[in-house]
Amino acid sequence: MANNPGQLGFFAAAALENTAQRHAQKTAIIHKQQSITFEELNARVDALTGHLAHEGVSRGDRVGVLLPNSTAIPLSYYAIQRVGAVPAILDARLRGRELQAVLRDADLKLFIVHHQFAADIREIFKTMPPLPLWIVEGDDERSFEKRLVPNSTTWPVNPAETDQDALILYTSGTTGEPKGVVLTYGDLAQ
């Protein structure tokens, strides 16, 4: 089934779709000097979702997000959930061995990173298989911003189950390596 507004089925993505329909011109996000309405946010999320699906990301896949505070965080989160994948939000302070351990543990299909972390990621990829990257503020074919333009890719809409993985957050690793904490849709709905 192709994407169908109003039947998104994934809690956060469905909430965004419903809010964009009811409050299209209200401000959804303010970051620095940038303001995005719910309608604009929803359209950008749709575009990113199409690109995720085009690149083979589907229900249950894990997509890593390593970003400083920016509009790319909510855009990524909603798009990943809209396609049915699981966002793994990583602490932007992770570096070196800790980041490498998280990447090995997370079993990611795609990794969304800010360009300021690209050198660290390239260094880590020397010791493990590289992941497909989308680079925020990147300037080549991996650019996140180039994926804000819609494509014609559709994605299946399957309602989420309450026991389905919805989000992965990593602990700080104060007593050892960071560990992934998996939250289900049921956890997020409480």
N, C-alpha and C. Protein backbone atom coordinates (compact mmCIF):
# COMPACT_ATOMS: atom_id res chain seq x y z
N MET A 1 0.85 -1.17 0.00
CA MET A 1 0.00 0.00 0.00
C MET A 1 0.89 1.24 0.00
N ALA A 2 0.57 2.22 -0.77
CA ALA A 2 1.36 3.44 -0.86
C ALA A 2 1.06 4.33 0.33
N ASN A 3 1.95 5.32 0.51
CA ASN A 3 1.72 6.25 1.61
C ASN A 3 0.37 6.94 1.44
N ASN A 4 -0.36 7.05 2.53
CA ASN A 4 -1.71 7.59 2.50
C ASN A 4 -1.88 8.51 3.69
N PRO A 5 -1.84 9.84 3.49
CA PRO A 5 -2.01 10.75 4.62
C PRO A 5 -3.29 10.41 5.38
N GLY A 6 -3.18 10.45 6.68
CA GLY A 6 -4.31 10.12 7.52
C GLY A 6 -4.29 8.68 7.99
N GLN A 7 -3.47 7.81 7.36
CA GLN A 7 -3.37 6.41 7.76
C GLN A 7 -1.92 6.04 7.98
N LEU A 8 -1.17 6.90 8.62
CA LEU A 8 0.25 6.64 8.76
C LEU A 8 0.55 5.48 9.70
N GLY A 9 -0.23 5.33 10.73
CA GLY A 9 -0.11 4.16 11.57
C GLY A 9 0.98 4.21 12.62
N PHE A 10 1.98 5.04 12.49
CA PHE A 10 3.04 5.12 13.49
C PHE A 10 2.79 6.36 14.32
N PHE A 11 2.78 6.20 15.64
CA PHE A 11 2.28 7.20 16.56
C PHE A 11 2.81 8.62 16.31
N ALA A 12 4.11 8.82 16.36
CA ALA A 12 4.66 10.16 16.19
C ALA A 12 4.37 10.69 14.80
N ALA A 13 4.55 9.85 13.80
CA ALA A 13 4.31 10.28 12.42
C ALA A 13 2.84 10.61 12.20
N ALA A 14 1.94 9.82 12.79
CA ALA A 14 0.51 10.08 12.67
C ALA A 14 0.14 11.37 13.38
N ALA A 15 0.73 11.61 14.54
CA ALA A 15 0.45 12.85 15.27
C ALA A 15 0.90 14.06 14.46
N LEU A 16 2.06 13.97 13.82
CA LEU A 16 2.53 15.07 12.98
C LEU A 16 1.58 15.30 11.82
N GLU A 17 1.18 14.24 11.14
CA GLU A 17 0.26 14.36 10.00
C GLU A 17 -1.05 15.03 10.43
N ASN A 18 -1.61 14.58 11.55
CA ASN A 18 -2.87 15.15 12.04
C ASN A 18 -2.71 16.62 12.42
N THR A 19 -1.62 16.95 13.09
CA THR A 19 -1.38 18.33 13.48
C THR A 19 -1.17 19.22 12.26
N ALA A 20 -0.46 18.71 11.26
CA ALA A 20 -0.23 19.49 10.03
C ALA A 20 -1.55 19.76 9.30
N GLN A 21 -2.48 18.83 9.38
CA GLN A 21 -3.79 19.06 8.74
C GLN A 21 -4.60 20.09 9.51
N ARG A 22 -4.53 20.07 10.84
CA ARG A 22 -5.34 20.98 11.66
C ARG A 22 -4.72 22.36 11.83
N HIS A 23 -3.38 22.42 11.87
CA HIS A 23 -2.69 23.68 12.19
C HIS A 23 -1.55 23.94 11.20
N ALA A 24 -1.85 23.87 9.94
CA ALA A 24 -0.83 23.93 8.89
C ALA A 24 0.12 25.11 9.02
N GLN A 25 -0.37 26.28 9.32
CA GLN A 25 0.46 27.49 9.31
C GLN A 25 1.02 27.86 10.69
N LYS A 26 0.73 27.06 11.70
CA LYS A 26 1.30 27.33 13.02
C LYS A 26 2.76 26.87 13.04
N THR A 27 3.53 27.56 13.85
CA THR A 27 4.95 27.24 13.95
C THR A 27 5.14 25.91 14.69
N ALA A 28 5.90 25.03 14.08
CA ALA A 28 6.22 23.73 14.67
C ALA A 28 7.59 23.75 15.33
N ILE A 29 8.57 24.36 14.67
CA ILE A 29 9.95 24.34 15.14
C ILE A 29 10.57 25.72 14.96
N ILE A 30 11.29 26.16 15.97
CA ILE A 30 12.11 27.36 15.87
C ILE A 30 13.52 26.94 16.26
N HIS A 31 14.46 27.20 15.39
CA HIS A 31 15.87 26.91 15.69
C HIS A 31 16.70 28.05 15.14
N LYS A 32 17.38 28.73 16.05
CA LYS A 32 18.16 29.91 15.69
C LYS A 32 17.25 30.89 14.96
N GLN A 33 17.56 31.23 13.74
CA GLN A 33 16.76 32.20 12.99
C GLN A 33 15.75 31.51 12.07
N GLN A 34 15.62 30.21 12.17
CA GLN A 34 14.76 29.45 11.27
C GLN A 34 13.46 29.06 11.98
N SER A 35 12.36 29.22 11.28
CA SER A 35 11.05 28.83 11.78
C SER A 35 10.39 27.95 10.72
N ILE A 36 9.79 26.83 11.16
CA ILE A 36 9.16 25.89 10.24
C ILE A 36 7.73 25.65 10.70
N THR A 37 6.78 25.77 9.79
CA THR A 37 5.38 25.50 10.12
C THR A 37 5.14 23.99 10.13
N PHE A 38 4.00 23.58 10.68
CA PHE A 38 3.66 22.16 10.68
C PHE A 38 3.51 21.64 9.25
N GLU A 39 2.96 22.45 8.37
CA GLU A 39 2.81 22.04 6.97
C GLU A 39 4.17 21.82 6.32
N GLU A 40 5.11 22.74 6.56
CA GLU A 40 6.46 22.60 6.00
C GLU A 40 7.18 21.40 6.61
N LEU A 41 7.04 21.24 7.92
CA LEU A 41 7.67 20.10 8.60
C LEU A 41 7.15 18.79 8.02
N ASN A 42 5.85 18.68 7.88
CA ASN A 42 5.25 17.46 7.35
C ASN A 42 5.71 17.19 5.92
N ALA A 43 5.80 18.23 5.09
CA ALA A 43 6.25 18.05 3.70
C ALA A 43 7.71 17.60 3.65
N ARG A 44 8.55 18.16 4.50
CA ARG A 44 9.97 17.75 4.53
C ARG A 44 10.10 16.32 5.04
N VAL A 45 9.31 15.98 6.04
CA VAL A 45 9.33 14.60 6.56
C VAL A 45 8.88 13.63 5.47
N ASP A 46 7.84 13.98 4.73
CA ASP A 46 7.40 13.14 3.61
C ASP A 46 8.52 12.93 2.60
N ALA A 47 9.22 14.03 2.26
CA ALA A 47 10.32 13.93 1.30
C ALA A 47 11.40 12.99 1.82
N LEU A 48 11.81 13.18 3.08
CA LEU A 48 12.83 12.31 3.67
C LEU A 48 12.37 10.86 3.72
N THR A 49 11.10 10.65 4.04
CA THR A 49 10.56 9.29 4.11
C THR A 49 10.65 8.61 2.75
N GLY A 50 10.32 9.34 1.69
CA GLY A 50 10.45 8.79 0.34
C GLY A 50 11.88 8.39 0.02
N HIS A 51 12.83 9.22 0.45
CA HIS A 51 14.24 8.90 0.20
C HIS A 51 14.70 7.72 1.05
N LEU A 52 14.22 7.63 2.29
CA LEU A 52 14.54 6.46 3.11
C LEU A 52 14.06 5.18 2.44
N ALA A 53 12.80 5.20 1.99
CA ALA A 53 12.24 4.02 1.31
C ALA A 53 13.00 3.72 0.03
N HIS A 54 13.35 4.75 -0.72
CA HIS A 54 14.10 4.56 -1.97
C HIS A 54 15.45 3.90 -1.71
N GLU A 55 16.05 4.21 -0.58
CA GLU A 55 17.36 3.65 -0.24
C GLU A 55 17.25 2.34 0.54
N GLY A 56 16.04 1.76 0.57
CA GLY A 56 15.88 0.42 1.13
C GLY A 56 15.60 0.34 2.61
N VAL A 57 15.37 1.46 3.27
CA VAL A 57 15.04 1.44 4.69
C VAL A 57 13.57 1.09 4.82
N SER A 58 13.27 0.12 5.67
CA SER A 58 11.88 -0.32 5.83
C SER A 58 11.59 -0.66 7.29
N ARG A 59 10.39 -1.14 7.50
CA ARG A 59 9.91 -1.44 8.85
C ARG A 59 10.90 -2.32 9.61
N GLY A 60 11.22 -1.87 10.82
CA GLY A 60 12.11 -2.62 11.69
C GLY A 60 13.58 -2.32 11.52
N ASP A 61 13.99 -1.72 10.39
CA ASP A 61 15.40 -1.35 10.22
C ASP A 61 15.75 -0.27 11.24
N ARG A 62 17.02 -0.21 11.59
CA ARG A 62 17.50 0.80 12.53
C ARG A 62 18.28 1.87 11.77
N VAL A 63 17.98 3.12 12.09
CA VAL A 63 18.67 4.25 11.47
C VAL A 63 19.27 5.10 12.59
N GLY A 64 20.59 5.26 12.56
CA GLY A 64 21.28 6.05 13.57
C GLY A 64 21.19 7.53 13.27
N VAL A 65 21.13 8.32 14.34
CA VAL A 65 21.08 9.78 14.24
C VAL A 65 22.11 10.34 15.21
N LEU A 66 23.14 10.99 14.66
CA LEU A 66 24.20 11.61 15.46
C LEU A 66 24.30 13.07 15.04
N LEU A 67 23.59 13.93 15.77
CA LEU A 67 23.48 15.33 15.37
C LEU A 67 23.54 16.25 16.58
N PRO A 68 24.11 17.44 16.39
CA PRO A 68 23.96 18.46 17.43
C PRO A 68 22.53 19.00 17.34
N ASN A 69 22.14 19.86 18.28
CA ASN A 69 20.80 20.44 18.22
C ASN A 69 20.59 21.12 16.87
N SER A 70 19.54 20.68 16.17
CA SER A 70 19.24 21.25 14.85
C SER A 70 17.86 20.78 14.42
N THR A 71 17.34 21.38 13.36
CA THR A 71 16.05 20.95 12.82
C THR A 71 16.15 19.56 12.21
N ALA A 72 17.34 19.10 11.90
CA ALA A 72 17.50 17.77 11.31
C ALA A 72 17.11 16.66 12.28
N ILE A 73 17.13 16.91 13.58
CA ILE A 73 16.75 15.88 14.55
C ILE A 73 15.27 15.53 14.44
N PRO A 74 14.34 16.49 14.57
CA PRO A 74 12.94 16.09 14.43
C PRO A 74 12.59 15.63 13.01
N LEU A 75 13.20 16.21 12.01
CA LEU A 75 12.96 15.76 10.63
C LEU A 75 13.33 14.29 10.49
N SER A 76 14.50 13.93 10.99
CA SER A 76 14.96 12.54 10.92
C SER A 76 14.06 11.62 11.73
N TYR A 77 13.77 12.01 12.95
CA TYR A 77 12.95 11.18 13.84
C TYR A 77 11.61 10.85 13.20
N TYR A 78 10.89 11.87 12.75
CA TYR A 78 9.57 11.63 12.16
C TYR A 78 9.67 10.80 10.88
N ALA A 79 10.63 11.08 10.03
CA ALA A 79 10.75 10.35 8.76
C ALA A 79 11.10 8.88 9.01
N ILE A 80 12.01 8.64 9.93
CA ILE A 80 12.40 7.26 10.25
C ILE A 80 11.18 6.49 10.76
N GLN A 81 10.43 7.11 11.67
CA GLN A 81 9.24 6.43 12.19
C GLN A 81 8.17 6.29 11.11
N ARG A 82 8.04 7.28 10.25
CA ARG A 82 7.00 7.23 9.21
C ARG A 82 7.23 6.05 8.26
N VAL A 83 8.49 5.74 7.97
CA VAL A 83 8.77 4.61 7.09
C VAL A 83 8.68 3.28 7.85
N GLY A 84 8.53 3.36 9.17
CA GLY A 84 8.40 2.15 9.99
C GLY A 84 9.71 1.66 10.56
N ALA A 85 10.78 2.41 10.35
CA ALA A 85 12.08 2.03 10.89
C ALA A 85 12.20 2.54 12.33
N VAL A 86 13.32 2.23 12.96
CA VAL A 86 13.54 2.55 14.37
C VAL A 86 14.69 3.55 14.48
N PRO A 87 14.42 4.78 14.95
CA PRO A 87 15.51 5.72 15.14
C PRO A 87 16.37 5.33 16.34
N ALA A 88 17.67 5.37 16.16
CA ALA A 88 18.62 5.16 17.25
C ALA A 88 19.31 6.50 17.45
N ILE A 89 18.85 7.25 18.45
CA ILE A 89 19.35 8.59 18.70
C ILE A 89 20.61 8.47 19.55
N LEU A 90 21.73 8.98 19.02
CA LEU A 90 23.01 8.88 19.70
C LEU A 90 23.42 10.23 20.28
N ASP A 91 24.12 10.19 21.39
CA ASP A 91 24.62 11.39 22.05
C ASP A 91 25.70 12.02 21.18
N ALA A 92 25.53 13.28 20.85
CA ALA A 92 26.49 13.98 19.98
C ALA A 92 27.87 14.11 20.61
N ARG A 93 27.99 13.79 21.88
CA ARG A 93 29.31 13.85 22.54
C ARG A 93 30.10 12.55 22.40
N LEU A 94 29.48 11.49 21.86
CA LEU A 94 30.18 10.22 21.68
C LEU A 94 31.34 10.39 20.71
N ARG A 95 32.46 9.81 21.04
CA ARG A 95 33.65 9.87 20.19
C ARG A 95 34.42 8.56 20.30
N GLY A 96 35.31 8.35 19.37
CA GLY A 96 36.28 7.26 19.43
C GLY A 96 35.70 5.90 19.71
N ARG A 97 36.29 5.21 20.71
CA ARG A 97 35.92 3.84 21.03
C ARG A 97 34.46 3.70 21.45
N GLU A 98 33.95 4.69 22.21
CA GLU A 98 32.54 4.61 22.63
C GLU A 98 31.61 4.66 21.42
N LEU A 99 31.88 5.56 20.50
CA LEU A 99 31.04 5.67 19.30
C LEU A 99 31.17 4.40 18.46
N GLN A 100 32.38 3.90 18.33
CA GLN A 100 32.60 2.67 17.57
C GLN A 100 31.82 1.51 18.20
N ALA A 101 31.84 1.40 19.52
CA ALA A 101 31.12 0.32 20.21
C ALA A 101 29.61 0.45 19.96
N VAL A 102 29.10 1.65 19.99
CA VAL A 102 27.67 1.86 19.75
C VAL A 102 27.32 1.48 18.32
N LEU A 103 28.15 1.88 17.37
CA LEU A 103 27.88 1.56 15.96
C LEU A 103 27.92 0.06 15.72
N ARG A 104 28.81 -0.63 16.37
CA ARG A 104 28.87 -2.10 16.24
C ARG A 104 27.61 -2.74 16.85
N ASP A 105 27.15 -2.20 17.95
CA ASP A 105 26.00 -2.76 18.66
C ASP A 105 24.68 -2.46 17.96
N ALA A 106 24.56 -1.29 17.36
CA ALA A 106 23.26 -0.79 16.89
C ALA A 106 22.71 -1.49 15.66
N ASP A 107 23.55 -2.14 14.86
CA ASP A 107 23.09 -2.83 13.66
C ASP A 107 22.26 -1.90 12.76
N LEU A 108 22.89 -0.80 12.37
CA LEU A 108 22.22 0.25 11.60
C LEU A 108 22.16 -0.07 10.11
N LYS A 109 21.08 0.35 9.49
CA LYS A 109 20.92 0.25 8.03
C LYS A 109 21.43 1.53 7.36
N LEU A 110 21.33 2.67 8.07
CA LEU A 110 21.71 3.98 7.57
C LEU A 110 22.12 4.82 8.77
N PHE A 111 22.98 5.80 8.53
CA PHE A 111 23.47 6.64 9.61
C PHE A 111 23.37 8.09 9.16
N ILE A 112 22.63 8.90 9.94
CA ILE A 112 22.49 10.33 9.66
C ILE A 112 23.39 11.08 10.62
N VAL A 113 24.38 11.79 10.08
CA VAL A 113 25.37 12.48 10.91
C VAL A 113 25.56 13.91 10.43
N HIS A 114 26.02 14.75 11.32
CA HIS A 114 26.37 16.12 10.97
C HIS A 114 27.78 16.14 10.39
N HIS A 115 28.01 17.05 9.47
CA HIS A 115 29.33 17.09 8.80
C HIS A 115 30.47 17.27 9.79
N GLN A 116 30.22 17.89 10.95
CA GLN A 116 31.31 18.09 11.92
C GLN A 116 31.80 16.78 12.51
N PHE A 117 31.03 15.69 12.36
CA PHE A 117 31.44 14.38 12.87
C PHE A 117 31.99 13.48 11.76
N ALA A 118 32.00 13.95 10.54
CA ALA A 118 32.38 13.11 9.40
C ALA A 118 33.79 12.54 9.52
N ALA A 119 34.74 13.33 9.98
CA ALA A 119 36.13 12.84 10.11
C ALA A 119 36.20 11.71 11.14
N ASP A 120 35.49 11.86 12.26
CA ASP A 120 35.47 10.80 13.28
C ASP A 120 34.85 9.52 12.71
N ILE A 121 33.79 9.69 11.94
CA ILE A 121 33.10 8.53 11.36
C ILE A 121 34.00 7.83 10.35
N ARG A 122 34.68 8.61 9.50
CA ARG A 122 35.60 8.01 8.52
C ARG A 122 36.70 7.21 9.24
N GLU A 123 37.18 7.72 10.35
CA GLU A 123 38.22 7.03 11.12
C GLU A 123 37.67 5.71 11.68
N ILE A 124 36.47 5.73 12.20
CA ILE A 124 35.84 4.51 12.74
C ILE A 124 35.61 3.49 11.63
N PHE A 125 35.21 3.95 10.46
CA PHE A 125 34.94 3.04 9.35
C PHE A 125 36.20 2.36 8.83
N LYS A 126 37.38 2.78 9.27
CA LYS A 126 38.60 2.08 8.90
C LYS A 126 38.70 0.74 9.62
N THR A 127 37.95 0.59 10.73
CA THR A 127 38.04 -0.63 11.53
C THR A 127 36.76 -1.46 11.53
N MET A 128 35.78 -1.05 10.74
CA MET A 128 34.52 -1.79 10.66
C MET A 128 33.88 -1.51 9.31
N PRO A 129 32.94 -2.33 8.89
CA PRO A 129 32.29 -2.07 7.61
C PRO A 129 31.58 -0.71 7.64
N PRO A 130 31.77 0.09 6.61
CA PRO A 130 31.11 1.40 6.59
C PRO A 130 29.60 1.26 6.40
N LEU A 131 28.89 2.27 6.86
CA LEU A 131 27.44 2.34 6.72
C LEU A 131 27.09 3.39 5.68
N PRO A 132 25.96 3.25 5.01
CA PRO A 132 25.50 4.36 4.18
C PRO A 132 25.26 5.58 5.06
N LEU A 133 25.67 6.74 4.59
CA LEU A 133 25.57 7.98 5.37
C LEU A 133 24.71 9.01 4.68
N TRP A 134 23.97 9.76 5.46
CA TRP A 134 23.39 11.03 5.05
C TRP A 134 24.08 12.06 5.92
N ILE A 135 24.66 13.06 5.30
CA ILE A 135 25.44 14.05 6.04
C ILE A 135 24.71 15.39 6.05
N VAL A 136 24.34 15.83 7.25
CA VAL A 136 23.69 17.12 7.43
C VAL A 136 24.75 18.20 7.17
N GLU A 137 24.36 19.16 6.36
CA GLU A 137 25.26 20.22 5.88
C GLU A 137 26.40 19.64 5.04
N GLY A 138 26.15 18.49 4.43
CA GLY A 138 27.11 17.90 3.51
C GLY A 138 26.95 18.52 2.14
N ASP A 139 27.95 18.31 1.30
CA ASP A 139 27.91 18.96 -0.02
C ASP A 139 28.09 17.99 -1.17
N ASP A 140 27.94 16.70 -0.91
CA ASP A 140 28.07 15.74 -2.01
C ASP A 140 26.78 14.92 -2.12
N GLU A 141 26.84 13.78 -2.77
CA GLU A 141 25.64 12.97 -3.00
C GLU A 141 25.04 12.42 -1.70
N ARG A 142 25.78 12.48 -0.60
CA ARG A 142 25.27 12.00 0.68
C ARG A 142 24.54 13.11 1.48
N SER A 143 24.39 14.27 0.90
CA SER A 143 23.82 15.42 1.60
C SER A 143 22.38 15.15 2.08
N PHE A 144 22.14 15.38 3.33
CA PHE A 144 20.82 15.28 3.94
C PHE A 144 19.87 16.28 3.28
N GLU A 145 20.34 17.49 3.08
CA GLU A 145 19.50 18.55 2.54
C GLU A 145 19.00 18.25 1.14
N LYS A 146 19.78 17.52 0.35
CA LYS A 146 19.32 17.14 -1.00
C LYS A 146 18.13 16.20 -0.93
N ARG A 147 17.94 15.58 0.20
CA ARG A 147 16.83 14.64 0.37
C ARG A 147 15.56 15.32 0.90
N LEU A 148 15.60 16.63 1.04
CA LEU A 148 14.41 17.37 1.44
C LEU A 148 13.52 17.68 0.24
N VAL A 149 13.98 17.30 -0.94
CA VAL A 149 13.20 17.45 -2.17
C VAL A 149 12.47 16.14 -2.41
N PRO A 150 11.14 16.19 -2.60
CA PRO A 150 10.38 14.95 -2.76
C PRO A 150 10.82 14.14 -3.98
N ASN A 151 10.68 12.82 -3.85
CA ASN A 151 10.83 11.93 -4.99
C ASN A 151 9.53 11.16 -5.13
N SER A 152 9.45 10.26 -6.05
CA SER A 152 8.18 9.56 -6.29
C SER A 152 8.07 8.24 -5.54
N THR A 153 9.01 7.96 -4.66
CA THR A 153 8.98 6.69 -3.94
C THR A 153 7.84 6.67 -2.94
N THR A 154 7.11 5.58 -2.91
CA THR A 154 6.07 5.39 -1.90
C THR A 154 6.57 4.37 -0.89
N TRP A 155 5.88 4.27 0.21
CA TRP A 155 6.28 3.34 1.24
C TRP A 155 5.03 2.68 1.82
N PRO A 156 5.18 1.46 2.32
CA PRO A 156 4.01 0.77 2.88
C PRO A 156 3.57 1.42 4.18
N VAL A 157 2.28 1.38 4.40
CA VAL A 157 1.73 1.88 5.65
C VAL A 157 1.15 0.70 6.42
N ASN A 158 1.82 0.34 7.47
CA ASN A 158 1.38 -0.76 8.32
C ASN A 158 1.26 -0.22 9.74
N PRO A 159 0.09 -0.30 10.34
CA PRO A 159 -0.04 0.22 11.71
C PRO A 159 0.98 -0.43 12.64
N ALA A 160 1.51 0.38 13.53
CA ALA A 160 2.48 -0.11 14.50
C ALA A 160 1.78 -0.91 15.58
N GLU A 161 2.45 -1.93 16.05
CA GLU A 161 1.97 -2.71 17.18
C GLU A 161 2.59 -2.12 18.44
N THR A 162 1.89 -2.22 19.56
CA THR A 162 2.41 -1.61 20.78
C THR A 162 3.73 -2.25 21.24
N ASP A 163 3.99 -3.51 20.84
CA ASP A 163 5.23 -4.16 21.24
C ASP A 163 6.35 -4.01 20.21
N GLN A 164 6.10 -3.26 19.15
CA GLN A 164 7.11 -3.04 18.11
C GLN A 164 8.12 -1.99 18.58
N ASP A 165 9.42 -2.21 18.27
CA ASP A 165 10.46 -1.24 18.61
C ASP A 165 10.14 0.10 17.96
N ALA A 166 10.26 1.19 18.75
CA ALA A 166 9.95 2.52 18.26
C ALA A 166 11.13 3.47 18.35
N LEU A 167 12.04 3.25 19.29
CA LEU A 167 13.13 4.19 19.53
C LEU A 167 14.22 3.48 20.31
N ILE A 168 15.47 3.79 19.97
CA ILE A 168 16.60 3.26 20.73
C ILE A 168 17.41 4.45 21.22
N LEU A 169 17.64 4.48 22.53
CA LEU A 169 18.50 5.50 23.14
C LEU A 169 19.65 4.76 23.80
N TYR A 170 20.84 5.33 23.77
CA TYR A 170 22.01 4.70 24.37
C TYR A 170 22.34 5.36 25.70
N THR A 171 22.67 4.51 26.69
CA THR A 171 23.05 4.99 28.01
C THR A 171 24.40 5.71 27.90
N SER A 172 24.77 6.39 28.94
CA SER A 172 26.01 7.16 28.92
C SER A 172 27.25 6.30 29.04
N GLY A 173 27.12 5.08 29.49
CA GLY A 173 28.28 4.20 29.58
C GLY A 173 29.20 4.53 30.73
N THR A 174 28.69 5.04 31.86
CA THR A 174 29.54 5.44 32.98
C THR A 174 30.24 4.25 33.64
N THR A 175 29.65 3.06 33.58
CA THR A 175 30.27 1.89 34.20
C THR A 175 30.74 0.87 33.16
N GLY A 176 30.76 1.25 31.92
CA GLY A 176 31.16 0.35 30.85
C GLY A 176 30.74 0.95 29.52
N GLU A 177 30.65 0.11 28.50
CA GLU A 177 30.23 0.58 27.19
C GLU A 177 28.78 1.04 27.22
N PRO A 178 28.42 2.06 26.42
CA PRO A 178 27.01 2.45 26.34
C PRO A 178 26.15 1.28 25.88
N LYS A 179 24.96 1.20 26.42
CA LYS A 179 24.03 0.12 26.07
C LYS A 179 22.76 0.70 25.48
N GLY A 180 22.23 0.03 24.47
CA GLY A 180 21.01 0.48 23.83
C GLY A 180 19.79 0.14 24.66
N VAL A 181 18.96 1.14 24.89
CA VAL A 181 17.69 0.95 25.59
C VAL A 181 16.60 1.06 24.52
N VAL A 182 15.89 -0.04 24.31
CA VAL A 182 14.87 -0.09 23.27
C VAL A 182 13.52 0.23 23.89
N LEU A 183 12.85 1.23 23.32
CA LEU A 183 11.50 1.59 23.74
C LEU A 183 10.52 1.16 22.65
N THR A 184 9.40 0.62 23.06
CA THR A 184 8.37 0.19 22.12
C THR A 184 7.37 1.33 21.94
N TYR A 185 6.46 1.15 20.96
CA TYR A 185 5.40 2.13 20.78
C TYR A 185 4.51 2.18 22.01
N GLY A 186 4.30 1.05 22.66
CA GLY A 186 3.53 1.03 23.90
C GLY A 186 4.20 1.85 24.99
N ASP A 187 5.54 1.75 25.08
CA ASP A 187 6.28 2.55 26.06
C ASP A 187 6.08 4.05 25.79
N LEU A 188 6.17 4.44 24.53
CA LEU A 188 6.06 5.86 24.18
C LEU A 188 4.64 6.39 24.34
N ALA A 189 3.67 5.52 24.25
CA ALA A 189 2.27 5.96 24.36
C ALA A 189 1.86 6.19 25.82
N GLN A 190 2.64 5.72 26.77
CA GLN A 190 2.26 5.86 28.18
C GLN A 190 2.57 7.23 28.71
